Full PDB file with SEQRES, HELIX, SHEET, SSBOND, CRYST1, ORIGX, SCALE, CONECT and MASTER records, all heavy atoms in Angstrom:
SEQRES   1 A   41  LEU VAL ALA VAL GLY PRO THR TYR PHE GLY ASN PHE THR          
SEQRES   2 A   41  ALA VAL GLU ALA VAL ASP GLU ASP THR VAL LEU PHE THR          
SEQRES   3 A   41  THR SER ALA PRO ASP PRO ILE PHE PRO SER ARG PHE THR          
SEQRES   4 A   41  THR THR                                                      
HELIX    1 AA1 GLY A    5  PHE A    9  1                                   5    
HELIX    2 AA2 PRO A   35  THR A   39  5                                   5    
SHEET    1 AA1 2 PHE A  12  ASP A  19  0                                        
SHEET    2 AA1 2 THR A  22  THR A  27 -1                                        
CRYST1    1.000    1.000    1.000  90.00  90.00  90.00 P 1           1          
ORIGX1      1.000000  0.000000  0.000000        0.00000                         
ORIGX2      0.000000  1.000000  0.000000        0.00000                         
ORIGX3      0.000000  0.000000  1.000000        0.00000                         
SCALE1      1.000000  0.000000  0.000000        0.00000                         
SCALE2      0.000000  1.000000  0.000000        0.00000                         
SCALE3      0.000000  0.000000  1.000000        0.00000                         
ATOM      1  N   LEU A   1      16.010  -1.425  24.370  1.00  0.00           N  
ATOM      2  CA  LEU A   1      17.168  -0.633  23.979  1.00  0.00           C  
ATOM      3  C   LEU A   1      16.892   0.862  24.010  1.00  0.00           C  
ATOM      4  O   LEU A   1      17.809   1.663  24.170  1.00  0.00           O  
ATOM      5  CB  LEU A   1      17.616  -1.037  22.571  1.00  0.00           C  
ATOM      6  CG  LEU A   1      18.109  -2.487  22.426  1.00  0.00           C  
ATOM      7  CD1 LEU A   1      18.268  -2.850  20.960  1.00  0.00           C  
ATOM      8  CD2 LEU A   1      19.420  -2.664  23.171  1.00  0.00           C  
ATOM      9  N   VAL A   2      15.626   1.247  23.831  1.00  0.00           N  
ATOM     10  CA  VAL A   2      15.242   2.659  23.825  1.00  0.00           C  
ATOM     11  C   VAL A   2      14.388   2.931  25.058  1.00  0.00           C  
ATOM     12  O   VAL A   2      13.250   2.448  25.160  1.00  0.00           O  
ATOM     13  CB  VAL A   2      14.469   3.013  22.538  1.00  0.00           C  
ATOM     14  CG1 VAL A   2      14.042   4.475  22.566  1.00  0.00           C  
ATOM     15  CG2 VAL A   2      15.332   2.744  21.310  1.00  0.00           C  
ATOM     16  N   ALA A   3      14.919   3.712  25.976  1.00  0.00           N  
ATOM     17  CA  ALA A   3      14.268   3.900  27.275  1.00  0.00           C  
ATOM     18  C   ALA A   3      12.872   4.497  27.167  1.00  0.00           C  
ATOM     19  O   ALA A   3      11.956   4.090  27.891  1.00  0.00           O  
ATOM     20  CB  ALA A   3      15.143   4.786  28.162  1.00  0.00           C  
ATOM     21  N   VAL A   4      12.665   5.462  26.261  1.00  0.00           N  
ATOM     22  CA  VAL A   4      11.377   6.157  26.198  1.00  0.00           C  
ATOM     23  C   VAL A   4      10.347   5.414  25.357  1.00  0.00           C  
ATOM     24  O   VAL A   4       9.224   5.894  25.192  1.00  0.00           O  
ATOM     25  CB  VAL A   4      11.545   7.591  25.641  1.00  0.00           C  
ATOM     26  CG1 VAL A   4      12.452   8.407  26.542  1.00  0.00           C  
ATOM     27  CG2 VAL A   4      12.065   7.559  24.212  1.00  0.00           C  
ATOM     28  N   GLY A   5      10.703   4.238  24.839  1.00  0.00           N  
ATOM     29  CA  GLY A   5       9.805   3.500  23.965  1.00  0.00           C  
ATOM     30  C   GLY A   5       8.397   3.307  24.492  1.00  0.00           C  
ATOM     31  O   GLY A   5       7.418   3.498  23.753  1.00  0.00           O  
ATOM     32  N   PRO A   6       8.214   2.914  25.769  1.00  0.00           N  
ATOM     33  CA  PRO A   6       6.853   2.681  26.267  1.00  0.00           C  
ATOM     34  C   PRO A   6       5.959   3.913  26.257  1.00  0.00           C  
ATOM     35  O   PRO A   6       4.737   3.783  26.277  1.00  0.00           O  
ATOM     36  CB  PRO A   6       7.102   2.183  27.697  1.00  0.00           C  
ATOM     37  CG  PRO A   6       8.461   1.567  27.651  1.00  0.00           C  
ATOM     38  CD  PRO A   6       9.238   2.454  26.723  1.00  0.00           C  
ATOM     39  N   THR A   7       6.538   5.114  26.247  1.00  0.00           N  
ATOM     40  CA  THR A   7       5.715   6.315  26.146  1.00  0.00           C  
ATOM     41  C   THR A   7       4.872   6.282  24.876  1.00  0.00           C  
ATOM     42  O   THR A   7       3.748   6.788  24.836  1.00  0.00           O  
ATOM     43  CB  THR A   7       6.609   7.570  26.138  1.00  0.00           C  
ATOM     44  OG1 THR A   7       7.344   7.621  27.370  1.00  0.00           O  
ATOM     45  CG2 THR A   7       5.786   8.833  26.000  1.00  0.00           C  
ATOM     46  N   TYR A   8       5.396   5.643  23.843  1.00  0.00           N  
ATOM     47  CA  TYR A   8       4.728   5.593  22.552  1.00  0.00           C  
ATOM     48  C   TYR A   8       4.111   4.224  22.262  1.00  0.00           C  
ATOM     49  O   TYR A   8       3.083   4.130  21.606  1.00  0.00           O  
ATOM     50  CB  TYR A   8       5.728   5.946  21.443  1.00  0.00           C  
ATOM     51  CG  TYR A   8       6.355   7.307  21.637  1.00  0.00           C  
ATOM     52  CD1 TYR A   8       7.473   7.476  22.444  1.00  0.00           C  
ATOM     53  CD2 TYR A   8       5.805   8.432  21.040  1.00  0.00           C  
ATOM     54  CE1 TYR A   8       8.039   8.734  22.641  1.00  0.00           C  
ATOM     55  CE2 TYR A   8       6.358   9.689  21.229  1.00  0.00           C  
ATOM     56  CZ  TYR A   8       7.473   9.833  22.035  1.00  0.00           C  
ATOM     57  OH  TYR A   8       8.029  11.077  22.238  1.00  0.00           O  
ATOM     58  N   PHE A   9       4.769   3.155  22.738  1.00  0.00           N  
ATOM     59  CA  PHE A   9       4.353   1.798  22.379  1.00  0.00           C  
ATOM     60  C   PHE A   9       4.210   0.883  23.600  1.00  0.00           C  
ATOM     61  O   PHE A   9       4.354  -0.329  23.475  1.00  0.00           O  
ATOM     62  CB  PHE A   9       5.363   1.193  21.390  1.00  0.00           C  
ATOM     63  CG  PHE A   9       5.659   2.062  20.203  1.00  0.00           C  
ATOM     64  CD1 PHE A   9       6.912   2.623  20.025  1.00  0.00           C  
ATOM     65  CD2 PHE A   9       4.673   2.341  19.267  1.00  0.00           C  
ATOM     66  CE1 PHE A   9       7.187   3.434  18.943  1.00  0.00           C  
ATOM     67  CE2 PHE A   9       4.933   3.158  18.175  1.00  0.00           C  
ATOM     68  CZ  PHE A   9       6.198   3.706  18.014  1.00  0.00           C  
ATOM     69  N   GLY A  10       3.930   1.452  24.751  1.00  0.00           N  
ATOM     70  CA  GLY A  10       3.867   0.673  25.984  1.00  0.00           C  
ATOM     71  C   GLY A  10       2.717  -0.299  26.042  1.00  0.00           C  
ATOM     72  O   GLY A  10       2.717  -1.213  26.879  1.00  0.00           O  
ATOM     73  N   ASN A  11       1.719  -0.144  25.160  1.00  0.00           N  
ATOM     74  CA  ASN A  11       0.582  -1.056  25.142  1.00  0.00           C  
ATOM     75  C   ASN A  11       0.792  -2.224  24.176  1.00  0.00           C  
ATOM     76  O   ASN A  11      -0.068  -3.080  24.036  1.00  0.00           O  
ATOM     77  CB  ASN A  11      -0.683  -0.296  24.758  1.00  0.00           C  
ATOM     78  CG  ASN A  11      -0.600   0.289  23.353  1.00  0.00           C  
ATOM     79  OD1 ASN A  11       0.481   0.641  22.891  1.00  0.00           O  
ATOM     80  ND2 ASN A  11      -1.738   0.409  22.685  1.00  0.00           N  
ATOM     81  N   PHE A  12       1.941  -2.284  23.499  1.00  0.00           N  
ATOM     82  CA  PHE A  12       2.229  -3.403  22.600  1.00  0.00           C  
ATOM     83  C   PHE A  12       2.619  -4.635  23.411  1.00  0.00           C  
ATOM     84  O   PHE A  12       3.301  -4.530  24.434  1.00  0.00           O  
ATOM     85  CB  PHE A  12       3.382  -3.051  21.655  1.00  0.00           C  
ATOM     86  CG  PHE A  12       3.032  -2.070  20.569  1.00  0.00           C  
ATOM     87  CD1 PHE A  12       1.823  -1.373  20.561  1.00  0.00           C  
ATOM     88  CD2 PHE A  12       3.918  -1.832  19.525  1.00  0.00           C  
ATOM     89  CE1 PHE A  12       1.510  -0.470  19.564  1.00  0.00           C  
ATOM     90  CE2 PHE A  12       3.614  -0.932  18.513  1.00  0.00           C  
ATOM     91  CZ  PHE A  12       2.401  -0.249  18.537  1.00  0.00           C  
ATOM     92  N   THR A  13       2.174  -5.796  22.961  1.00  0.00           N  
ATOM     93  CA  THR A  13       2.572  -7.052  23.613  1.00  0.00           C  
ATOM     94  C   THR A  13       3.344  -7.966  22.672  1.00  0.00           C  
ATOM     95  O   THR A  13       4.076  -8.843  23.129  1.00  0.00           O  
ATOM     96  CB  THR A  13       1.341  -7.801  24.148  1.00  0.00           C  
ATOM     97  OG1 THR A  13       0.442  -8.069  23.064  1.00  0.00           O  
ATOM     98  CG2 THR A  13       0.628  -6.974  25.212  1.00  0.00           C  
ATOM     99  N   ALA A  14       3.181  -7.787  21.363  1.00  0.00           N  
ATOM    100  CA  ALA A  14       3.910  -8.603  20.396  1.00  0.00           C  
ATOM    101  C   ALA A  14       3.906  -7.901  19.042  1.00  0.00           C  
ATOM    102  O   ALA A  14       2.936  -7.235  18.673  1.00  0.00           O  
ATOM    103  CB  ALA A  14       3.289  -9.990  20.264  1.00  0.00           C  
ATOM    104  N   VAL A  15       5.024  -8.058  18.311  1.00  0.00           N  
ATOM    105  CA  VAL A  15       5.143  -7.549  16.945  1.00  0.00           C  
ATOM    106  C   VAL A  15       5.870  -8.617  16.145  1.00  0.00           C  
ATOM    107  O   VAL A  15       6.959  -9.047  16.524  1.00  0.00           O  
ATOM    108  CB  VAL A  15       5.927  -6.228  16.888  1.00  0.00           C  
ATOM    109  CG1 VAL A  15       5.965  -5.702  15.456  1.00  0.00           C  
ATOM    110  CG2 VAL A  15       5.316  -5.182  17.815  1.00  0.00           C  
ATOM    111  N   GLU A  16       5.271  -9.069  15.046  1.00  0.00           N  
ATOM    112  CA  GLU A  16       5.920 -10.121  14.265  1.00  0.00           C  
ATOM    113  C   GLU A  16       5.702  -9.919  12.769  1.00  0.00           C  
ATOM    114  O   GLU A  16       4.670  -9.413  12.337  1.00  0.00           O  
ATOM    115  CB  GLU A  16       5.403 -11.494  14.673  1.00  0.00           C  
ATOM    116  CG  GLU A  16       3.908 -11.694  14.452  1.00  0.00           C  
ATOM    117  CD  GLU A  16       3.454 -13.109  14.799  1.00  0.00           C  
ATOM    118  OE1 GLU A  16       4.150 -14.054  14.402  1.00  0.00           O  
ATOM    119  OE2 GLU A  16       2.405 -13.238  15.460  1.00  0.00           O  
ATOM    120  N   ALA A  17       6.726 -10.289  11.997  1.00  0.00           N  
ATOM    121  CA  ALA A  17       6.620 -10.278  10.540  1.00  0.00           C  
ATOM    122  C   ALA A  17       5.868 -11.532  10.108  1.00  0.00           C  
ATOM    123  O   ALA A  17       6.338 -12.653  10.314  1.00  0.00           O  
ATOM    124  CB  ALA A  17       8.008 -10.228   9.920  1.00  0.00           C  
ATOM    125  N   VAL A  18       4.703 -11.351   9.515  1.00  0.00           N  
ATOM    126  CA  VAL A  18       3.875 -12.473   9.085  1.00  0.00           C  
ATOM    127  C   VAL A  18       4.393 -13.042   7.771  1.00  0.00           C  
ATOM    128  O   VAL A  18       4.493 -14.253   7.584  1.00  0.00           O  
ATOM    129  CB  VAL A  18       2.404 -12.036   8.943  1.00  0.00           C  
ATOM    130  CG1 VAL A  18       1.554 -13.177   8.405  1.00  0.00           C  
ATOM    131  CG2 VAL A  18       1.871 -11.548  10.276  1.00  0.00           C  
ATOM    132  N   ASP A  19       4.716 -12.158   6.836  1.00  0.00           N  
ATOM    133  CA  ASP A  19       5.321 -12.547   5.566  1.00  0.00           C  
ATOM    134  C   ASP A  19       6.145 -11.369   5.096  1.00  0.00           C  
ATOM    135  O   ASP A  19       6.406 -10.428   5.856  1.00  0.00           O  
ATOM    136  CB  ASP A  19       4.266 -12.980   4.544  1.00  0.00           C  
ATOM    137  CG  ASP A  19       3.150 -11.961   4.364  1.00  0.00           C  
ATOM    138  OD1 ASP A  19       3.474 -10.748   4.323  1.00  0.00           O  
ATOM    139  OD2 ASP A  19       1.984 -12.350   4.265  1.00  0.00           O  
ATOM    140  N   GLU A  20       6.560 -11.377   3.831  1.00  0.00           N  
ATOM    141  CA  GLU A  20       7.498 -10.364   3.369  1.00  0.00           C  
ATOM    142  C   GLU A  20       6.928  -8.959   3.342  1.00  0.00           C  
ATOM    143  O   GLU A  20       7.686  -7.979   3.324  1.00  0.00           O  
ATOM    144  CB  GLU A  20       8.030 -10.723   1.983  1.00  0.00           C  
ATOM    145  CG  GLU A  20       6.980 -10.716   0.888  1.00  0.00           C  
ATOM    146  CD  GLU A  20       7.550 -10.991  -0.486  1.00  0.00           C  
ATOM    147  OE1 GLU A  20       8.737 -11.366  -0.556  1.00  0.00           O  
ATOM    148  OE2 GLU A  20       6.820 -10.836  -1.482  1.00  0.00           O  
ATOM    149  N   ASP A  21       5.604  -8.825   3.330  1.00  0.00           N  
ATOM    150  CA  ASP A  21       5.040  -7.474   3.277  1.00  0.00           C  
ATOM    151  C   ASP A  21       3.932  -7.232   4.305  1.00  0.00           C  
ATOM    152  O   ASP A  21       3.128  -6.314   4.144  1.00  0.00           O  
ATOM    153  CB  ASP A  21       4.519  -7.168   1.874  1.00  0.00           C  
ATOM    154  CG  ASP A  21       3.381  -8.093   1.442  1.00  0.00           C  
ATOM    155  OD1 ASP A  21       3.068  -9.027   2.196  1.00  0.00           O  
ATOM    156  OD2 ASP A  21       2.821  -7.859   0.349  1.00  0.00           O  
ATOM    157  N   THR A  22       3.910  -8.025   5.375  1.00  0.00           N  
ATOM    158  CA  THR A  22       2.885  -7.852   6.399  1.00  0.00           C  
ATOM    159  C   THR A  22       3.493  -7.998   7.793  1.00  0.00           C  
ATOM    160  O   THR A  22       4.245  -8.939   8.052  1.00  0.00           O  
ATOM    161  CB  THR A  22       1.751  -8.884   6.254  1.00  0.00           C  
ATOM    162  OG1 THR A  22       1.292  -8.902   4.908  1.00  0.00           O  
ATOM    163  CG2 THR A  22       0.586  -8.544   7.174  1.00  0.00           C  
ATOM    164  N   VAL A  23       3.136  -7.066   8.674  1.00  0.00           N  
ATOM    165  CA  VAL A  23       3.569  -7.125  10.072  1.00  0.00           C  
ATOM    166  C   VAL A  23       2.325  -7.092  10.947  1.00  0.00           C  
ATOM    167  O   VAL A  23       1.410  -6.285  10.729  1.00  0.00           O  
ATOM    168  CB  VAL A  23       4.497  -5.950  10.428  1.00  0.00           C  
ATOM    169  CG1 VAL A  23       4.911  -6.008  11.897  1.00  0.00           C  
ATOM    170  CG2 VAL A  23       5.736  -5.950   9.529  1.00  0.00           C  
ATOM    171  N   LEU A  24       2.278  -7.993  11.931  1.00  0.00           N  
ATOM    172  CA  LEU A  24       1.141  -8.085  12.848  1.00  0.00           C  
ATOM    173  C   LEU A  24       1.527  -7.500  14.200  1.00  0.00           C  
ATOM    174  O   LEU A  24       2.525  -7.904  14.806  1.00  0.00           O  
ATOM    175  CB  LEU A  24       0.720  -9.543  13.017  1.00  0.00           C  
ATOM    176  CG  LEU A  24      -0.449  -9.793  13.983  1.00  0.00           C  
ATOM    177  CD1 LEU A  24      -1.741  -9.182  13.442  1.00  0.00           C  
ATOM    178  CD2 LEU A  24      -0.618 -11.290  14.247  1.00  0.00           C  
ATOM    179  N   PHE A  25       0.716  -6.546  14.676  1.00  0.00           N  
ATOM    180  CA  PHE A  25       0.919  -5.907  15.972  1.00  0.00           C  
ATOM    181  C   PHE A  25      -0.191  -6.360  16.919  1.00  0.00           C  
ATOM    182  O   PHE A  25      -1.373  -6.325  16.550  1.00  0.00           O  
ATOM    183  CB  PHE A  25       0.863  -4.384  15.838  1.00  0.00           C  
ATOM    184  CG  PHE A  25       1.988  -3.782  15.038  1.00  0.00           C  
ATOM    185  CD1 PHE A  25       1.949  -3.785  13.650  1.00  0.00           C  
ATOM    186  CD2 PHE A  25       3.076  -3.200  15.675  1.00  0.00           C  
ATOM    187  CE1 PHE A  25       2.966  -3.218  12.903  1.00  0.00           C  
ATOM    188  CE2 PHE A  25       4.106  -2.629  14.944  1.00  0.00           C  
ATOM    189  CZ  PHE A  25       4.059  -2.640  13.554  1.00  0.00           C  
ATOM    190  N   THR A  26       0.197  -6.770  18.117  1.00  0.00           N  
ATOM    191  CA  THR A  26      -0.778  -7.151  19.137  1.00  0.00           C  
ATOM    192  C   THR A  26      -0.659  -6.192  20.309  1.00  0.00           C  
ATOM    193  O   THR A  26       0.451  -5.902  20.782  1.00  0.00           O  
ATOM    194  CB  THR A  26      -0.541  -8.589  19.624  1.00  0.00           C  
ATOM    195  OG1 THR A  26      -0.540  -9.477  18.505  1.00  0.00           O  
ATOM    196  CG2 THR A  26      -1.633  -9.012  20.593  1.00  0.00           C  
ATOM    197  N   THR A  27      -1.791  -5.694  20.791  1.00  0.00           N  
ATOM    198  CA  THR A  27      -1.813  -4.747  21.899  1.00  0.00           C  
ATOM    199  C   THR A  27      -2.495  -5.364  23.110  1.00  0.00           C  
ATOM    200  O   THR A  27      -3.245  -6.335  22.987  1.00  0.00           O  
ATOM    201  CB  THR A  27      -2.530  -3.448  21.493  1.00  0.00           C  
ATOM    202  OG1 THR A  27      -3.883  -3.758  21.108  1.00  0.00           O  
ATOM    203  CG2 THR A  27      -1.834  -2.780  20.322  1.00  0.00           C  
ATOM    204  N   SER A  28      -2.254  -4.803  24.259  1.00  0.00           N  
ATOM    205  CA  SER A  28      -2.806  -5.348  25.501  1.00  0.00           C  
ATOM    206  C   SER A  28      -4.291  -5.066  25.647  1.00  0.00           C  
ATOM    207  O   SER A  28      -4.970  -5.726  26.442  1.00  0.00           O  
ATOM    208  CB  SER A  28      -2.052  -4.762  26.697  1.00  0.00           C  
ATOM    209  OG  SER A  28      -2.149  -3.345  26.707  1.00  0.00           O  
ATOM    210  N   ALA A  29      -4.793  -4.097  24.899  1.00  0.00           N  
ATOM    211  CA  ALA A  29      -6.205  -3.708  24.941  1.00  0.00           C  
ATOM    212  C   ALA A  29      -6.510  -2.991  23.632  1.00  0.00           C  
ATOM    213  O   ALA A  29      -5.594  -2.637  22.888  1.00  0.00           O  
ATOM    214  CB  ALA A  29      -6.469  -2.788  26.137  1.00  0.00           C  
ATOM    215  N   PRO A  30      -7.786  -2.796  23.329  1.00  0.00           N  
ATOM    216  CA  PRO A  30      -8.107  -2.009  22.131  1.00  0.00           C  
ATOM    217  C   PRO A  30      -7.389  -0.668  22.156  1.00  0.00           C  
ATOM    218  O   PRO A  30      -7.285  -0.024  23.203  1.00  0.00           O  
ATOM    219  CB  PRO A  30      -9.630  -1.837  22.237  1.00  0.00           C  
ATOM    220  CG  PRO A  30     -10.082  -3.047  23.002  1.00  0.00           C  
ATOM    221  CD  PRO A  30      -8.995  -3.307  24.008  1.00  0.00           C  
ATOM    222  N   ASP A  31      -6.868  -0.264  21.006  1.00  0.00           N  
ATOM    223  CA  ASP A  31      -6.033   0.930  20.929  1.00  0.00           C  
ATOM    224  C   ASP A  31      -6.693   1.968  20.035  1.00  0.00           C  
ATOM    225  O   ASP A  31      -6.764   1.800  18.817  1.00  0.00           O  
ATOM    226  CB  ASP A  31      -4.660   0.547  20.365  1.00  0.00           C  
ATOM    227  CG  ASP A  31      -3.667   1.692  20.423  1.00  0.00           C  
ATOM    228  OD1 ASP A  31      -4.089   2.835  20.634  1.00  0.00           O  
ATOM    229  OD2 ASP A  31      -2.459   1.428  20.263  1.00  0.00           O  
ATOM    230  N   PRO A  32      -7.183   3.075  20.609  1.00  0.00           N  
ATOM    231  CA  PRO A  32      -7.893   4.079  19.805  1.00  0.00           C  
ATOM    232  C   PRO A  32      -6.988   4.899  18.900  1.00  0.00           C  
ATOM    233  O   PRO A  32      -7.467   5.581  18.002  1.00  0.00           O  
ATOM    234  CB  PRO A  32      -8.547   4.972  20.869  1.00  0.00           C  
ATOM    235  CG  PRO A  32      -7.652   4.836  22.068  1.00  0.00           C  
ATOM    236  CD  PRO A  32      -7.162   3.421  22.041  1.00  0.00           C  
ATOM    237  N   ILE A  33      -5.673   4.848  19.120  1.00  0.00           N  
ATOM    238  CA  ILE A  33      -4.778   5.724  18.349  1.00  0.00           C  
ATOM    239  C   ILE A  33      -3.630   4.939  17.721  1.00  0.00           C  
ATOM    240  O   ILE A  33      -2.568   5.495  17.453  1.00  0.00           O  
ATOM    241  CB  ILE A  33      -4.224   6.856  19.228  1.00  0.00           C  
ATOM    242  CG1 ILE A  33      -3.536   6.288  20.476  1.00  0.00           C  
ATOM    243  CG2 ILE A  33      -5.324   7.829  19.601  1.00  0.00           C  
ATOM    244  CD1 ILE A  33      -2.781   7.323  21.287  1.00  0.00           C  
ATOM    245  N   PHE A  34      -3.832   3.661  17.463  1.00  0.00           N  
ATOM    246  CA  PHE A  34      -2.745   2.829  16.953  1.00  0.00           C  
ATOM    247  C   PHE A  34      -2.014   3.450  15.750  1.00  0.00           C  
ATOM    248  O   PHE A  34      -0.794   3.600  15.784  1.00  0.00           O  
ATOM    249  CB  PHE A  34      -3.280   1.441  16.598  1.00  0.00           C  
ATOM    250  CG  PHE A  34      -2.261   0.551  15.939  1.00  0.00           C  
ATOM    251  CD1 PHE A  34      -1.364  -0.185  16.697  1.00  0.00           C  
ATOM    252  CD2 PHE A  34      -2.186   0.466  14.553  1.00  0.00           C  
ATOM    253  CE1 PHE A  34      -0.408  -0.987  16.093  1.00  0.00           C  
ATOM    254  CE2 PHE A  34      -1.236  -0.340  13.928  1.00  0.00           C  
ATOM    255  CZ  PHE A  34      -0.340  -1.066  14.710  1.00  0.00           C  
ATOM    256  N   PRO A  35      -2.673   3.843  14.666  1.00  0.00           N  
ATOM    257  CA  PRO A  35      -1.922   4.372  13.518  1.00  0.00           C  
ATOM    258  C   PRO A  35      -1.149   5.646  13.841  1.00  0.00           C  
ATOM    259  O   PRO A  35      -0.047   5.871  13.328  1.00  0.00           O  
ATOM    260  CB  PRO A  35      -3.004   4.635  12.465  1.00  0.00           C  
ATOM    261  CG  PRO A  35      -4.170   3.809  12.893  1.00  0.00           C  
ATOM    262  CD  PRO A  35      -4.117   3.801  14.388  1.00  0.00           C  
ATOM    263  N   SER A  36      -1.718   6.496  14.706  1.00  0.00           N  
ATOM    264  CA  SER A  36      -1.067   7.768  15.022  1.00  0.00           C  
ATOM    265  C   SER A  36       0.243   7.584  15.778  1.00  0.00           C  
ATOM    266  O   SER A  36       1.117   8.459  15.746  1.00  0.00           O  
ATOM    267  CB  SER A  36      -2.011   8.647  15.852  1.00  0.00           C  
ATOM    268  OG  SER A  36      -3.152   9.014  15.099  1.00  0.00           O  
ATOM    269  N   ARG A  37       0.400   6.460  16.462  1.00  0.00           N  
ATOM    270  CA  ARG A  37       1.629   6.233  17.229  1.00  0.00           C  
ATOM    271  C   ARG A  37       2.870   6.260  16.340  1.00  0.00           C  
ATOM    272  O   ARG A  37       3.961   6.622  16.791  1.00  0.00           O  
ATOM    273  CB  ARG A  37       1.548   4.889  17.958  1.00  0.00           C  
ATOM    274  CG  ARG A  37       0.455   4.821  19.009  1.00  0.00           C  
ATOM    275  CD  ARG A  37       0.494   3.522  19.791  1.00  0.00           C  
ATOM    276  NE  ARG A  37      -0.624   3.454  20.724  1.00  0.00           N  
ATOM    277  CZ  ARG A  37      -0.666   4.064  21.905  1.00  0.00           C  
ATOM    278  NH1 ARG A  37       0.371   4.775  22.299  1.00  0.00           N  
ATOM    279  NH2 ARG A  37      -1.720   3.946  22.681  1.00  0.00           N  
ATOM    280  N   PHE A  38       2.697   5.902  15.082  1.00  0.00           N  
ATOM    281  CA  PHE A  38       3.850   5.795  14.184  1.00  0.00           C  
ATOM    282  C   PHE A  38       4.161   7.105  13.466  1.00  0.00           C  
ATOM    283  O   PHE A  38       5.113   7.172  12.691  1.00  0.00           O  
ATOM    284  CB  PHE A  38       3.591   4.687  13.157  1.00  0.00           C  
ATOM    285  CG  PHE A  38       3.342   3.352  13.793  1.00  0.00           C  
ATOM    286  CD1 PHE A  38       2.051   2.872  13.951  1.00  0.00           C  
ATOM    287  CD2 PHE A  38       4.392   2.578  14.263  1.00  0.00           C  
ATOM    288  CE1 PHE A  38       1.806   1.643  14.554  1.00  0.00           C  
ATOM    289  CE2 PHE A  38       4.163   1.344  14.865  1.00  0.00           C  
ATOM    290  CZ  PHE A  38       2.866   0.882  15.007  1.00  0.00           C  
ATOM    291  N   THR A  39       3.373   8.142  13.713  1.00  0.00           N  
ATOM    292  CA  THR A  39       3.624   9.436  13.073  1.00  0.00           C  
ATOM    293  C   THR A  39       4.633  10.253  13.842  1.00  0.00           C  
ATOM    294  O   THR A  39       5.041  11.328  13.387  1.00  0.00           O  
ATOM    295  CB  THR A  39       2.322  10.241  12.943  1.00  0.00           C  
ATOM    296  OG1 THR A  39       1.834  10.567  14.258  1.00  0.00           O  
ATOM    297  CG2 THR A  39       1.253   9.450  12.199  1.00  0.00           C  
ATOM    298  N   THR A  40       5.064   9.797  15.004  1.00  0.00           N  
ATOM    299  CA  THR A  40       6.026  10.518  15.830  1.00  0.00           C  
ATOM    300  C   THR A  40       7.448  10.173  15.396  1.00  0.00           C  
ATOM    301  O   THR A  40       7.675   9.274  14.583  1.00  0.00           O  
ATOM    302  CB  THR A  40       5.853  10.140  17.305  1.00  0.00           C  
ATOM    303  OG1 THR A  40       6.344   8.804  17.509  1.00  0.00           O  
ATOM    304  CG2 THR A  40       4.393  10.203  17.725  1.00  0.00           C  
ATOM    305  N   THR A  41       8.411  10.859  15.980  1.00  0.00           N  
ATOM    306  CA  THR A  41       9.807  10.533  15.668  1.00  0.00           C  
ATOM    307  C   THR A  41      10.150   9.108  16.073  1.00  0.00           C  
ATOM    308  O   THR A  41      11.017   8.464  15.478  1.00  0.00           O  
ATOM    309  CB  THR A  41      10.762  11.530  16.347  1.00  0.00           C  
ATOM    310  OG1 THR A  41      12.097  11.304  15.874  1.00  0.00           O  
ATOM    311  CG2 THR A  41      10.727  11.391  17.863  1.00  0.00           C  
TER     312      THR A  41                                                      
MASTER        0    0    0    2    2    0    0    6  311    1    0    4          
END                                                                             
């Protein structure tokens, strides 16, 4: 739905809610800047 999404999250392969307060992110390869990706708009 958001065209520019892969610029920030293009290495994601899956995102799922594990339980009410945990979300699991899977990436295509080790990600050296995973937490920083969410500091952007």
